[in-house]
Protein backbone atom coordinates (compact mmCIF):
# COMPACT_ATOMS: atom_id res chain seq x y z
CA MET A 1 13.10 17.18 12.97
CA LYS A 2 10.00 18.84 14.43
CA ARG A 3 8.84 19.64 10.81
CA ARG A 4 9.25 15.96 9.80
CA ILE A 5 7.29 14.77 12.71
CA ALA A 6 4.51 17.37 12.24
CA PHE A 7 4.35 16.41 8.54
CA ALA A 8 4.20 12.72 9.35
CA VAL A 9 1.43 13.29 11.94
CA LEU A 10 -0.70 15.46 9.60
CA MET A 11 -0.18 13.26 6.51
CA GLY A 12 -0.90 10.22 8.56
CA VAL A 13 -4.23 11.58 9.94
CA ILE A 14 -5.37 12.73 6.49
CA THR A 15 -4.37 9.78 4.35
CA THR A 16 -5.30 7.01 6.75
CA GLY A 17 -8.60 8.67 7.45
CA ILE A 18 -9.47 9.00 3.79
CA ILE A 19 -8.32 5.50 2.80
CA SER A 20 -9.82 3.66 5.76
CA PHE A 21 -13.14 5.53 5.39
CA THR A 22 -13.33 4.65 1.71
CA LEU A 23 -12.33 1.02 2.02
CA ILE A 24 -14.58 0.30 5.08
CA GLY A 25 -17.47 2.00 3.27
CA ILE A 26 -16.89 -0.12 0.14
CA ASN A 27 -16.27 -3.43 1.97
CA LEU A 28 -18.66 -3.13 4.92
CA GLY A 29 -21.15 -0.50 3.63
CA PHE A 30 -22.60 2.15 5.83
CA THR A 31 -24.16 -0.11 8.45
CA GLU A 32 -24.56 0.34 12.20
CA LYS A 33 -21.01 -1.17 12.59
CA PHE A 34 -19.41 1.30 10.23
CA LEU A 35 -18.30 3.96 12.73
CA ALA A 36 -16.82 1.58 15.29
CA THR A 37 -15.06 -0.48 12.50
CA TRP A 38 -13.81 2.66 10.72
CA LEU A 39 -12.32 4.21 13.91
CA ARG A 40 -10.62 0.96 14.87
CA SER A 41 -9.21 0.60 11.37
CA TRP A 42 -8.13 4.24 11.21
CA LEU A 43 -6.28 3.97 14.57
CA THR A 44 -4.53 0.77 13.44
CA ALA A 45 -3.55 2.29 10.06
CA TYR A 46 -2.32 5.48 11.78
CA ALA A 47 -0.12 3.52 14.17
CA VAL A 48 1.45 1.72 11.21
CA VAL A 49 1.92 4.70 8.88
CA ILE A 50 3.56 7.21 11.21
CA PRO A 51 6.78 5.17 11.75
CA ALA A 52 6.64 4.25 7.99
CA ILE A 53 6.53 7.96 6.99
CA LEU A 54 9.37 8.78 9.35
CA LEU A 55 11.53 5.88 8.29
CA ILE A 56 10.74 5.66 4.57
CA GLY A 57 10.03 9.32 3.87
CA PRO A 58 13.68 10.51 3.77
CA ARG A 59 14.62 7.70 1.42
CA VAL A 60 11.71 8.45 -0.88
CA GLN A 61 12.66 12.18 -0.80
CA ALA A 62 16.28 11.32 -1.72
CA LEU A 63 15.03 9.14 -4.60
CA VAL A 64 12.76 11.86 -5.93
CA ASP A 65 15.61 14.35 -5.67
CA HIS A 66 17.87 12.05 -7.58
CA LEU A 67 15.28 11.31 -10.29
CA LEU A 68 14.32 14.93 -10.78
CA ALA A 69 17.74 16.50 -10.42
CA GLU A 70 18.41 19.14 -13.00
CA LYS A 71 21.36 18.05 -15.16
CA PRO A 72 23.66 20.79 -16.59
CA ALA A 73 22.99 21.44 -20.22
CA ALA A 74 25.55 19.88 -22.51
CA PRO A 75 27.34 22.37 -24.65
CA GLY A 76 25.89 22.25 -28.13
CA PRO A 77 27.67 22.67 -31.40
CA VAL A 78 28.87 26.26 -32.23
CA PRO A 79 26.95 27.68 -35.13
CA ALA A 80 28.98 28.33 -38.28
CA GLY A 81 30.48 31.80 -38.23
CA ALA A 82 30.08 32.28 -34.51
CA GLU A 83 33.19 33.43 -32.73
CA ASP A 84 34.38 32.34 -29.33
CA GLU A 85 34.41 35.19 -26.73
CA THR A 86 38.16 34.75 -26.33
CA GLN A 87 38.73 35.11 -30.09
CA ARG A 88 36.88 38.44 -30.17
CA ARG A 89 38.94 39.94 -27.41
CA GLY A 90 42.32 38.86 -28.63
């Protein structure tokens, strides 16, 4: 559980910081209000994303595990002339 919380905190800081910086820069520009607006937006985004990562993260991980699960290889046809292991012994 500590690892999940640490991951959520770090991912939250990094992703919300990058996204809020970029979007505030695009929408507001780098004016005298940029820093205050960005910090307020970053804090709001961070407060929203931490619970979201903790609640949604395990479900997303389960979905990814399901989608990328390695399926056992289906047995293919036996080439002509190949013997089964049991036939060679017996």
